[in-house]
Amino acid sequence: MDTAVSYAAGILIILGMILFLLGAIGILRFPDFFTRMHAAGKCDTLGALLVVTGIALYNGFAIGSLKIIFIAVFIFLTSPTATHSIARAAMKNNLPVWTRDKKR
């Protein structure tokens, strides 16, 4: 049982790190601020949630795991809120939105 829990924790952590990598690639490759915010917000939230949950699972049933789960819930609630606030501020300041060129 202990080995299965360790493998599950490892898989969660690896999946979270892959999402962090995909978010970083999205930030580098996407053309404008809003699509970059989308990549950062989605991948960052889910990646952090998976990594922190994997760490809590690896830690076992302890008070430390409960604290780690509270951190995961905090990240899950605040990260999308912060992303939305930043995107809304950009819209209010008339930041240009990328559109595909019509010359094709």
PDB file of N, CA and C in Angstrom:
ATOM      1  N   MET A   1       0.821  -1.200   0.000  1.00  0.00           N
ATOM      2  CA  MET A   1       0.000   0.000   0.000  1.00  0.00           C
ATOM      3  C   MET A   1       0.855   1.250   0.000  1.00  0.00           C
ATOM      4  N   ASP A   2       1.931   1.222   0.765  1.00  0.00           N
ATOM      5  CA  ASP A   2       2.800   2.394   0.861  1.00  0.00           C
ATOM      6  C   ASP A   2       3.448   2.704  -0.489  1.00  0.00           C
ATOM      7  N   THR A   3       3.801   1.676  -1.235  1.00  0.00           N
ATOM      8  CA  THR A   3       4.406   1.879  -2.547  1.00  0.00           C
ATOM      9  C   THR A   3       3.396   2.477  -3.520  1.00  0.00           C
ATOM     10  N   ALA A   4       2.156   2.026  -3.459  1.00  0.00           N
ATOM     11  CA  ALA A   4       1.128   2.556  -4.352  1.00  0.00           C
ATOM     12  C   ALA A   4       0.863   4.028  -4.074  1.00  0.00           C
ATOM     13  N   VAL A   5       0.847   4.410  -2.814  1.00  0.00           N
ATOM     14  CA  VAL A   5       0.644   5.817  -2.453  1.00  0.00           C
ATOM     15  C   VAL A   5       1.825   6.658  -2.926  1.00  0.00           C
ATOM     16  N   SER A   6       3.021   6.144  -2.795  1.00  0.00           N
ATOM     17  CA  SER A   6       4.205   6.865  -3.271  1.00  0.00           C
ATOM     18  C   SER A   6       4.167   7.056  -4.783  1.00  0.00           C
ATOM     19  N   TYR A   7       3.754   6.016  -5.502  1.00  0.00           N
ATOM     20  CA  TYR A   7       3.636   6.135  -6.954  1.00  0.00           C
ATOM     21  C   TYR A   7       2.551   7.143  -7.351  1.00  0.00           C
ATOM     22  N   ALA A   8       1.424   7.104  -6.655  1.00  0.00           N
ATOM     23  CA  ALA A   8       0.342   8.049  -6.946  1.00  0.00           C
ATOM     24  C   ALA A   8       0.794   9.483  -6.672  1.00  0.00           C
ATOM     25  N   ALA A   9       1.511   9.679  -5.568  1.00  0.00           N
ATOM     26  CA  ALA A   9       2.026  11.019  -5.252  1.00  0.00           C
ATOM     27  C   ALA A   9       3.021  11.466  -6.310  1.00  0.00           C
ATOM     28  N   GLY A  10       3.880  10.563  -6.736  1.00  0.00           N
ATOM     29  CA  GLY A  10       4.846  10.895  -7.780  1.00  0.00           C
ATOM     30  C   GLY A  10       4.183  11.254  -9.092  1.00  0.00           C
ATOM     31  N   ILE A  11       3.138  10.523  -9.445  1.00  0.00           N
ATOM     32  CA  ILE A  11       2.411  10.811 -10.688  1.00  0.00           C
ATOM     33  C   ILE A  11       1.750  12.178 -10.615  1.00  0.00           C
ATOM     34  N   LEU A  12       1.133  12.507  -9.474  1.00  0.00           N
ATOM     35  CA  LEU A  12       0.510  13.821  -9.316  1.00  0.00           C
ATOM     36  C   LEU A  12       1.538  14.944  -9.431  1.00  0.00           C
ATOM     37  N   ILE A  13       2.677  14.755  -8.808  1.00  0.00           N
ATOM     38  CA  ILE A  13       3.721  15.779  -8.859  1.00  0.00           C
ATOM     39  C   ILE A  13       4.252  15.934 -10.274  1.00  0.00           C
ATOM     40  N   ILE A  14       4.472  14.830 -10.966  1.00  0.00           N
ATOM     41  CA  ILE A  14       4.970  14.902 -12.347  1.00  0.00           C
ATOM     42  C   ILE A  14       3.945  15.565 -13.269  1.00  0.00           C
ATOM     43  N   LEU A  15       2.663  15.221 -13.119  1.00  0.00           N
ATOM     44  CA  LEU A  15       1.627  15.862 -13.935  1.00  0.00           C
ATOM     45  C   LEU A  15       1.562  17.370 -13.655  1.00  0.00           C
ATOM     46  N   GLY A  16       1.706  17.751 -12.397  1.00  0.00           N
ATOM     47  CA  GLY A  16       1.721  19.174 -12.060  1.00  0.00           C
ATOM     48  C   GLY A  16       2.900  19.895 -12.678  1.00  0.00           C
ATOM     49  N   MET A  17       4.063  19.256 -12.681  1.00  0.00           N
ATOM     50  CA  MET A  17       5.240  19.878 -13.283  1.00  0.00           C
ATOM     51  C   MET A  17       5.086  19.983 -14.800  1.00  0.00           C
ATOM     52  N   ILE A  18       4.453  19.008 -15.414  1.00  0.00           N
ATOM     53  CA  ILE A  18       4.193  19.082 -16.853  1.00  0.00           C
ATOM     54  C   ILE A  18       3.265  20.252 -17.158  1.00  0.00           C
ATOM     55  N   LEU A  19       2.251  20.452 -16.325  1.00  0.00           N
ATOM     56  CA  LEU A  19       1.358  21.594 -16.528  1.00  0.00           C
ATOM     57  C   LEU A  19       2.086  22.921 -16.341  1.00  0.00           C
ATOM     58  N   PHE A  20       2.988  22.986 -15.372  1.00  0.00           N
ATOM     59  CA  PHE A  20       3.795  24.203 -15.212  1.00  0.00           C
ATOM     60  C   PHE A  20       4.623  24.461 -16.473  1.00  0.00           C
ATOM     61  N   LEU A  21       5.205  23.409 -17.030  1.00  0.00           N
ATOM     62  CA  LEU A  21       5.997  23.551 -18.250  1.00  0.00           C
ATOM     63  C   LEU A  21       5.131  24.008 -19.422  1.00  0.00           C
ATOM     64  N   LEU A  22       3.938  23.425 -19.564  1.00  0.00           N
ATOM     65  CA  LEU A  22       3.044  23.843 -20.639  1.00  0.00           C
ATOM     66  C   LEU A  22       2.600  25.293 -20.464  1.00  0.00           C
ATOM     67  N   GLY A  23       2.375  25.719 -19.242  1.00  0.00           N
ATOM     68  CA  GLY A  23       2.026  27.110 -18.988  1.00  0.00           C
ATOM     69  C   GLY A  23       3.157  28.052 -19.353  1.00  0.00           C
ATOM     70  N   ALA A  24       4.382  27.656 -19.036  1.00  0.00           N
ATOM     71  CA  ALA A  24       5.537  28.491 -19.391  1.00  0.00           C
ATOM     72  C   ALA A  24       5.703  28.577 -20.906  1.00  0.00           C
ATOM     73  N   ILE A  25       5.490  27.477 -21.600  1.00  0.00           N
ATOM     74  CA  ILE A  25       5.562  27.491 -23.061  1.00  0.00           C
ATOM     75  C   ILE A  25       4.454  28.374 -23.634  1.00  0.00           C
ATOM     76  N   GLY A  26       3.259  28.299 -23.043  1.00  0.00           N
ATOM     77  CA  GLY A  26       2.159  29.144 -23.487  1.00  0.00           C
ATOM     78  C   GLY A  26       2.455  30.619 -23.292  1.00  0.00           C
ATOM     79  N   ILE A  27       3.087  30.969 -22.185  1.00  0.00           N
ATOM     80  CA  ILE A  27       3.447  32.368 -21.944  1.00  0.00           C
ATOM     81  C   ILE A  27       4.445  32.851 -22.994  1.00  0.00           C
ATOM     82  N   LEU A  28       5.349  31.991 -23.387  1.00  0.00           N
ATOM     83  CA  LEU A  28       6.354  32.379 -24.378  1.00  0.00           C
ATOM     84  C   LEU A  28       5.800  32.406 -25.805  1.00  0.00           C
ATOM     85  N   ARG A  29       4.852  31.532 -26.121  1.00  0.00           N
ATOM     86  CA  ARG A  29       4.419  31.369 -27.507  1.00  0.00           C
ATOM     87  C   ARG A  29       3.178  32.160 -27.902  1.00  0.00           C
ATOM     88  N   PHE A  30       2.288  32.431 -26.961  1.00  0.00           N
ATOM     89  CA  PHE A  30       1.039  33.092 -27.327  1.00  0.00           C
ATOM     90  C   PHE A  30       1.264  34.556 -27.679  1.00  0.00           C
ATOM     91  N   PRO A  31       0.419  35.109 -28.569  1.00  0.00           N
ATOM     92  CA  PRO A  31       0.714  36.409 -29.165  1.00  0.00           C
ATOM     93  C   PRO A  31       0.376  37.640 -28.325  1.00  0.00           C
ATOM     94  N   ASP A  32      -0.608  37.576 -27.443  1.00  0.00           N
ATOM     95  CA  ASP A  32      -0.967  38.796 -26.721  1.00  0.00           C
ATOM     96  C   ASP A  32      -1.148  38.522 -25.232  1.00  0.00           C
ATOM     97  N   PHE A  33      -1.416  39.582 -24.521  1.00  0.00           N
ATOM     98  CA  PHE A  33      -1.505  39.537 -23.072  1.00  0.00           C
ATOM     99  C   PHE A  33      -2.609  38.599 -22.590  1.00  0.00           C
ATOM    100  N   PHE A  34      -3.764  38.653 -23.212  1.00  0.00           N
ATOM    101  CA  PHE A  34      -4.915  37.903 -22.718  1.00  0.00           C
ATOM    102  C   PHE A  34      -4.749  36.399 -22.917  1.00  0.00           C
ATOM    103  N   THR A  35      -4.207  35.980 -24.035  1.00  0.00           N
ATOM    104  CA  THR A  35      -3.980  34.548 -24.227  1.00  0.00           C
ATOM    105  C   THR A  35      -2.862  34.061 -23.311  1.00  0.00           C
ATOM    106  N   ARG A  36      -1.885  34.898 -23.056  1.00  0.00           N
ATOM    107  CA  ARG A  36      -0.833  34.537 -22.098  1.00  0.00           C
ATOM    108  C   ARG A  36      -1.390  34.416 -20.686  1.00  0.00           C
ATOM    109  N   MET A  37      -2.293  35.320 -20.333  1.00  0.00           N
ATOM    110  CA  MET A  37      -2.930  35.241 -19.013  1.00  0.00           C
ATOM    111  C   MET A  37      -3.746  33.954 -18.894  1.00  0.00           C
ATOM    112  N   HIS A  38      -4.392  33.556 -19.961  1.00  0.00           N
ATOM    113  CA  HIS A  38      -5.180  32.320 -19.948  1.00  0.00           C
ATOM    114  C   HIS A  38      -4.264  31.120 -19.699  1.00  0.00           C
ATOM    115  N   ALA A  39      -3.156  31.070 -20.419  1.00  0.00           N
ATOM    116  CA  ALA A  39      -2.217  29.957 -20.242  1.00  0.00           C
ATOM    117  C   ALA A  39      -1.647  29.948 -18.826  1.00  0.00           C
ATOM    118  N   ALA A  40      -1.291  31.113 -18.338  1.00  0.00           N
ATOM    119  CA  ALA A  40      -0.711  31.189 -17.001  1.00  0.00           C
ATOM    120  C   ALA A  40      -1.736  30.834 -15.933  1.00  0.00           C
ATOM    121  N   GLY A  41      -2.935  31.339 -16.069  1.00  0.00           N
ATOM    122  CA  GLY A  41      -3.947  31.108 -15.049  1.00  0.00           C
ATOM    123  C   GLY A  41      -4.392  29.665 -14.959  1.00  0.00           C
ATOM    124  N   LYS A  42      -4.687  29.059 -16.086  1.00  0.00           N
ATOM    125  CA  LYS A  42      -5.188  27.675 -16.071  1.00  0.00           C
ATOM    126  C   LYS A  42      -4.105  26.690 -15.659  1.00  0.00           C
ATOM    127  N   CYS A  43      -2.952  26.769 -16.305  1.00  0.00           N
ATOM    128  CA  CYS A  43      -1.888  25.800 -16.022  1.00  0.00           C
ATOM    129  C   CYS A  43      -1.294  26.005 -14.632  1.00  0.00           C
ATOM    130  N   ASP A  44      -1.193  27.237 -14.209  1.00  0.00           N
ATOM    131  CA  ASP A  44      -0.638  27.524 -12.897  1.00  0.00           C
ATOM    132  C   ASP A  44      -1.533  26.990 -11.785  1.00  0.00           C
ATOM    133  N   THR A  45      -2.819  27.209 -11.915  1.00  0.00           N
ATOM    134  CA  THR A  45      -3.750  26.770 -10.876  1.00  0.00           C
ATOM    135  C   THR A  45      -3.789  25.250 -10.774  1.00  0.00           C
ATOM    136  N   LEU A  46      -4.002  24.588 -11.895  1.00  0.00           N
ATOM    137  CA  LEU A  46      -4.093  23.137 -11.858  1.00  0.00           C
ATOM    138  C   LEU A  46      -2.743  22.494 -11.547  1.00  0.00           C
ATOM    139  N   GLY A  47      -1.659  23.056 -12.068  1.00  0.00           N
ATOM    140  CA  GLY A  47      -0.331  22.521 -11.774  1.00  0.00           C
ATOM    141  C   GLY A  47       0.003  22.620 -10.295  1.00  0.00           C
ATOM    142  N   ALA A  48      -0.273  23.767  -9.700  1.00  0.00           N
ATOM    143  CA  ALA A  48      -0.011  23.935  -8.268  1.00  0.00           C
ATOM    144  C   ALA A  48      -0.894  23.007  -7.449  1.00  0.00           C
ATOM    145  N   LEU A  49      -2.143  22.862  -7.852  1.00  0.00           N
ATOM    146  CA  LEU A  49      -3.058  21.979  -7.135  1.00  0.00           C
ATOM    147  C   LEU A  49      -2.565  20.531  -7.178  1.00  0.00           C
ATOM    148  N   LEU A  50      -2.109  20.079  -8.334  1.00  0.00           N
ATOM    149  CA  LEU A  50      -1.612  18.709  -8.449  1.00  0.00           C
ATOM    150  C   LEU A  50      -0.327  18.490  -7.654  1.00  0.00           C
ATOM    151  N   VAL A  51       0.595  19.446  -7.727  1.00  0.00           N
ATOM    152  CA  VAL A  51       1.863  19.299  -6.999  1.00  0.00           C
ATOM    153  C   VAL A  51       1.622  19.295  -5.496  1.00  0.00           C
ATOM    154  N   VAL A  52       0.837  20.229  -5.022  1.00  0.00           N
ATOM    155  CA  VAL A  52       0.594  20.319  -3.584  1.00  0.00           C
ATOM    156  C   VAL A  52      -0.195  19.107  -3.088  1.00  0.00           C
ATOM    157  N   THR A  53      -1.143  18.622  -3.871  1.00  0.00           N
ATOM    158  CA  THR A  53      -1.876  17.418  -3.488  1.00  0.00           C
ATOM    159  C   THR A  53      -0.960  16.199  -3.472  1.00  0.00           C
ATOM    160  N   GLY A  54      -0.053  16.111  -4.429  1.00  0.00           N
ATOM    161  CA  GLY A  54       0.921  15.021  -4.442  1.00  0.00           C
ATOM    162  C   GLY A  54       1.840  15.064  -3.237  1.00  0.00           C
ATOM    163  N   ILE A  55       2.240  16.254  -2.840  1.00  0.00           N
ATOM    164  CA  ILE A  55       3.089  16.390  -1.649  1.00  0.00           C
ATOM    165  C   ILE A  55       2.327  15.975  -0.394  1.00  0.00           C
ATOM    166  N   ALA A  56       1.057  16.381  -0.298  1.00  0.00           N
ATOM    167  CA  ALA A  56       0.247  15.992   0.857  1.00  0.00           C
ATOM    168  C   ALA A  56       0.038  14.481   0.896  1.00  0.00           C
ATOM    169  N   LEU A  57      -0.176  13.882  -0.266  1.00  0.00           N
ATOM    170  CA  LEU A  57      -0.356  12.437  -0.333  1.00  0.00           C
ATOM    171  C   LEU A  57       0.923  11.702   0.058  1.00  0.00           C
ATOM    172  N   TYR A  58       2.043  12.207  -0.377  1.00  0.00           N
ATOM    173  CA  TYR A  58       3.325  11.595  -0.038  1.00  0.00           C
ATOM    174  C   TYR A  58       3.639  11.739   1.445  1.00  0.00           C
ATOM    175  N   ASN A  59       3.196  12.851   2.044  1.00  0.00           N
ATOM    176  CA  ASN A  59       3.453  13.113   3.460  1.00  0.00           C
ATOM    177  C   ASN A  59       2.670  12.161   4.356  1.00  0.00           C
ATOM    178  N   GLY A  60       1.562  11.644   3.866  1.00  0.00           N
ATOM    179  CA  GLY A  60       0.774  10.721   4.670  1.00  0.00           C
ATOM    180  C   GLY A  60      -0.266  11.446   5.503  1.00  0.00           C
ATOM    181  N   PHE A  61      -0.895  10.685   6.391  1.00  0.00           N
ATOM    182  CA  PHE A  61      -1.945  11.243   7.241  1.00  0.00           C
ATOM    183  C   PHE A  61      -1.289  11.899   8.452  1.00  0.00           C
ATOM    184  N   ALA A  62      -1.134  13.224   8.397  1.00  0.00           N
ATOM    185  CA  ALA A  62      -0.507  13.971   9.479  1.00  0.00           C
ATOM    186  C   ALA A  62      -1.068  15.386   9.479  1.00  0.00           C
ATOM    187  N   ILE A  63      -0.745  16.148  10.494  1.00  0.00           N
ATOM    188  CA  ILE A  63      -1.209  17.530  10.570  1.00  0.00           C
ATOM    189  C   ILE A  63      -0.575  18.366   9.456  1.00  0.00           C
ATOM    190  N   GLY A  64       0.620  18.007   9.054  1.00  0.00           N
ATOM    191  CA  GLY A  64       1.276  18.706   7.948  1.00  0.00           C
ATOM    192  C   GLY A  64       0.512  18.559   6.642  1.00  0.00           C
ATOM    193  N   SER A  65      -0.070  17.389   6.416  1.00  0.00           N
ATOM    194  CA  SER A  65      -0.868  17.169   5.208  1.00  0.00           C
ATOM    195  C   SER A  65      -2.120  18.028   5.207  1.00  0.00           C
ATOM    196  N   LEU A  66      -2.721  18.193   6.368  1.00  0.00           N
ATOM    197  CA  LEU A  66      -3.897  19.048   6.469  1.00  0.00           C
ATOM    198  C   LEU A  66      -3.543  20.497   6.132  1.00  0.00           C
ATOM    199  N   LYS A  67      -2.404  20.940   6.607  1.00  0.00           N
ATOM    200  CA  LYS A  67      -1.944  22.298   6.288  1.00  0.00           C
ATOM    201  C   LYS A  67      -1.677  22.446   4.794  1.00  0.00           C
ATOM    202  N   ILE A  68      -1.097  21.423   4.198  1.00  0.00           N
ATOM    203  CA  ILE A  68      -0.816  21.457   2.761  1.00  0.00           C
ATOM    204  C   ILE A  68      -2.119  21.485   1.961  1.00  0.00           C
ATOM    205  N   ILE A  69      -3.120  20.751   2.400  1.00  0.00           N
ATOM    206  CA  ILE A  69      -4.421  20.772   1.721  1.00  0.00           C
ATOM    207  C   ILE A  69      -5.058  22.149   1.837  1.00  0.00           C
ATOM    208  N   PHE A  70      -4.919  22.810   2.981  1.00  0.00           N
ATOM    209  CA  PHE A  70      -5.420  24.182   3.112  1.00  0.00           C
ATOM    210  C   PHE A  70      -4.709  25.125   2.151  1.00  0.00           C
ATOM    211  N   ILE A  71      -3.422  24.934   1.947  1.00  0.00           N
ATOM    212  CA  ILE A  71      -2.680  25.740   0.976  1.00  0.00           C
ATOM    213  C   ILE A  71      -3.220  25.490  -0.433  1.00  0.00           C
ATOM    214  N   ALA A  72      -3.506  24.233  -0.760  1.00  0.00           N
ATOM    215  CA  ALA A  72      -4.057  23.897  -2.084  1.00  0.00           C
ATOM    216  C   ALA A  72      -5.408  24.572  -2.296  1.00  0.00           C
ATOM    217  N   VAL A  73      -6.264  24.556  -1.287  1.00  0.00           N
ATOM    218  CA  VAL A  73      -7.570  25.211  -1.400  1.00  0.00           C
ATOM    219  C   VAL A  73      -7.393  26.711  -1.570  1.00  0.00           C
ATOM    220  N   PHE A  74      -6.459  27.299  -0.832  1.00  0.00           N
ATOM    221  CA  PHE A  74      -6.187  28.734  -0.944  1.00  0.00           C
ATOM    222  C   PHE A  74      -5.725  29.087  -2.354  1.00  0.00           C
ATOM    223  N   ILE A  75      -4.806  28.303  -2.915  1.00  0.00           N
ATOM    224  CA  ILE A  75      -4.330  28.545  -4.280  1.00  0.00           C
ATOM    225  C   ILE A  75      -5.479  28.375  -5.277  1.00  0.00           C
ATOM    226  N   PHE A  76      -6.306  27.348  -5.069  1.00  0.00           N
ATOM    227  CA  PHE A  76      -7.413  27.075  -5.972  1.00  0.00           C
ATOM    228  C   PHE A  76      -8.428  28.217  -5.992  1.00  0.00           C
ATOM    229  N   LEU A  77      -8.594  28.908  -4.877  1.00  0.00           N
ATOM    230  CA  LEU A  77      -9.543  30.014  -4.813  1.00  0.00           C
ATOM    231  C   LEU A  77      -8.949  31.348  -5.255  1.00  0.00           C
ATOM    232  N   THR A  78      -7.691  31.599  -4.935  1.00  0.00           N
ATOM    233  CA  THR A  78      -7.120  32.921  -5.189  1.00  0.00           C
ATOM    234  C   THR A  78      -6.500  33.087  -6.568  1.00  0.00           C
ATOM    235  N   SER A  79      -5.950  32.043  -7.147  1.00  0.00           N
ATOM    236  CA  SER A  79      -5.277  32.186  -8.435  1.00  0.00           C
ATOM    237  C   SER A  79      -6.233  32.586  -9.568  1.00  0.00           C
ATOM    238  N   PRO A  80      -7.380  31.939  -9.732  1.00  0.00           N
ATOM    239  CA  PRO A  80      -8.300  32.404 -10.778  1.00  0.00           C
ATOM    240  C   PRO A  80      -8.846  33.807 -10.511  1.00  0.00           C
ATOM    241  N   THR A  81      -9.040  34.135  -9.249  1.00  0.00           N
ATOM    242  CA  THR A  81      -9.518  35.470  -8.907  1.00  0.00           C
ATOM    243  C   THR A  81      -8.493  36.526  -9.290  1.00  0.00           C
ATOM    244  N   ALA A  82      -7.235  36.266  -8.992  1.00  0.00           N
ATOM    245  CA  ALA A  82      -6.173  37.212  -9.348  1.00  0.00           C
ATOM    246  C   ALA A  82      -6.028  37.333 -10.861  1.00  0.00           C
ATOM    247  N   THR A  83      -6.104  36.215 -11.575  1.00  0.00           N
ATOM    248  CA  THR A  83      -6.010  36.244 -13.031  1.00  0.00           C
ATOM    249  C   THR A  83      -7.152  37.056 -13.632  1.00  0.00           C
ATOM    250  N   HIS A  84      -8.346  36.855 -13.116  1.00  0.00           N
ATOM    251  CA  HIS A  84      -9.501  37.605 -13.605  1.00  0.00           C
ATOM    252  C   HIS A  84      -9.346  39.096 -13.329  1.00  0.00           C
ATOM    253  N   SER A  85      -8.860  39.453 -12.149  1.00  0.00           N
ATOM    254  CA  SER A  85      -8.685  40.864 -11.804  1.00  0.00           C
ATOM    255  C   SER A  85      -7.658  41.541 -12.703  1.00  0.00           C
ATOM    256  N   ILE A  86      -6.569  40.856 -12.981  1.00  0.00           N
ATOM    257  CA  ILE A  86      -5.533  41.422 -13.846  1.00  0.00           C
ATOM    258  C   ILE A  86      -6.059  41.585 -15.270  1.00  0.00           C
ATOM    259  N   ALA A  87      -6.782  40.576 -15.778  1.00  0.00           N
ATOM    260  CA  ALA A  87      -7.339  40.675 -17.131  1.00  0.00           C
ATOM    261  C   ALA A  87      -8.393  41.777 -17.216  1.00  0.00           C
ATOM    262  N   ARG A  88      -9.185  41.923 -16.170  1.00  0.00           N
ATOM    263  CA  ARG A  88     -10.196  42.987 -16.175  1.00  0.00           C
ATOM    264  C   ARG A  88      -9.548  44.364 -16.158  1.00  0.00           C
ATOM    265  N   ALA A  89      -8.469  44.511 -15.396  1.00  0.00           N
ATOM    266  CA  ALA A  89      -7.745  45.785 -15.381  1.00  0.00           C
ATOM    267  C   ALA A  89      -7.150  46.091 -16.753  1.00  0.00           C
ATOM    268  N   ALA A  90      -6.665  45.060 -17.434  1.00  0.00           N
ATOM    269  CA  ALA A  90      -6.128  45.258 -18.778  1.00  0.00           C
ATOM    270  C   ALA A  90      -7.227  45.675 -19.751  1.00  0.00           C
ATOM    271  N   MET A  91      -8.407  45.089 -19.630  1.00  0.00           N
ATOM    272  CA  MET A  91      -9.527  45.473 -20.504  1.00  0.00           C
ATOM    273  C   MET A  91      -9.964  46.911 -20.237  1.00  0.00           C
ATOM    274  N   LYS A  92     -10.008  47.297 -18.971  1.00  0.00           N
ATOM    275  CA  LYS A  92     -10.420  48.664 -18.637  1.00  0.00           C
ATOM    276  C   LYS A  92      -9.408  49.695 -19.128  1.00  0.00           C
ATOM    277  N   ASN A  93      -8.142  49.294 -19.253  1.00  0.00           N
ATOM    278  CA  ASN A  93      -7.098  50.195 -19.746  1.00  0.00           C
ATOM    279  C   ASN A  93      -6.903  50.081 -21.249  1.00  0.00           C
ATOM    280  N   ASN A  94      -7.854  49.446 -21.930  1.00  0.00           N
ATOM    281  CA  ASN A  94      -7.877  49.324 -23.394  1.00  0.00           C
ATOM    282  C   ASN A  94      -6.610  48.697 -23.967  1.00  0.00           C
ATOM    283  N   LEU A  95      -6.153  47.647 -23.345  1.00  0.00           N
ATOM    284  CA  LEU A  95      -5.022  46.909 -23.887  1.00  0.00           C
ATOM    285  C   LEU A  95      -5.478  46.220 -25.168  1.00  0.00           C
ATOM    286  N   PRO A  96      -4.719  46.331 -26.259  1.00  0.00           N
ATOM    287  CA  PRO A  96      -5.183  45.766 -27.525  1.00  0.00           C
ATOM    288  C   PRO A  96      -5.272  44.235 -27.486  1.00  0.00           C
ATOM    289  N   VAL A  97      -6.287  43.730 -28.149  1.00  0.00           N
ATOM    290  CA  VAL A  97      -6.508  42.295 -28.248  1.00  0.00           C
ATOM    291  C   VAL A  97      -5.979  41.819 -29.592  1.00  0.00           C
ATOM    292  N   TRP A  98      -5.288  40.696 -29.602  1.00  0.00           N
ATOM    293  CA  TRP A  98      -4.727  40.152 -30.830  1.00  0.00           C
ATOM    294  C   TRP A  98      -5.843  39.603 -31.696  1.00  0.00           C
ATOM    295  N   THR A  99      -5.776  39.915 -32.996  1.00  0.00           N
ATOM    296  CA  THR A  99      -6.689  39.332 -33.974  1.00  0.00           C
ATOM    297  C   THR A  99      -5.872  38.807 -35.144  1.00  0.00           C
ATOM    298  N   ARG A 100      -6.381  37.792 -35.789  1.00  0.00           N
ATOM    299  CA  ARG A 100      -5.688  37.202 -36.940  1.00  0.00           C
ATOM    300  C   ARG A 100      -5.740  38.170 -38.114  1.00  0.00           C
ATOM    301  N   ASP A 101      -4.627  38.258 -38.852  1.00  0.00           N
ATOM    302  CA  ASP A 101      -4.598  39.130 -40.047  1.00  0.00           C
ATOM    303  C   ASP A 101      -5.607  38.633 -41.067  1.00  0.00           C
ATOM    304  N   LYS A 102      -6.262  39.545 -41.728  1.00  0.00           N
ATOM    305  CA  LYS A 102      -7.257  39.185 -42.748  1.00  0.00           C
ATOM    306  C   LYS A 102      -6.612  38.935 -44.113  1.00  0.00           C
ATOM    307  N   LYS A 103      -5.311  39.166 -44.254  1.00  0.00           N
ATOM    308  CA  LYS A 103      -4.606  39.032 -45.538  1.00  0.00           C
ATOM    309  C   LYS A 103      -4.133  37.604 -45.739  1.00  0.00           C
ATOM    310  N   ARG A 104      -5.021  36.714 -46.141  1.00  0.00           N
ATOM    311  CA  ARG A 104      -4.629  35.333 -46.454  1.00  0.00           C
ATOM    312  C   ARG A 104      -5.296  34.856 -47.657  1.00  0.00           C
TER     313      ARG A 104
END
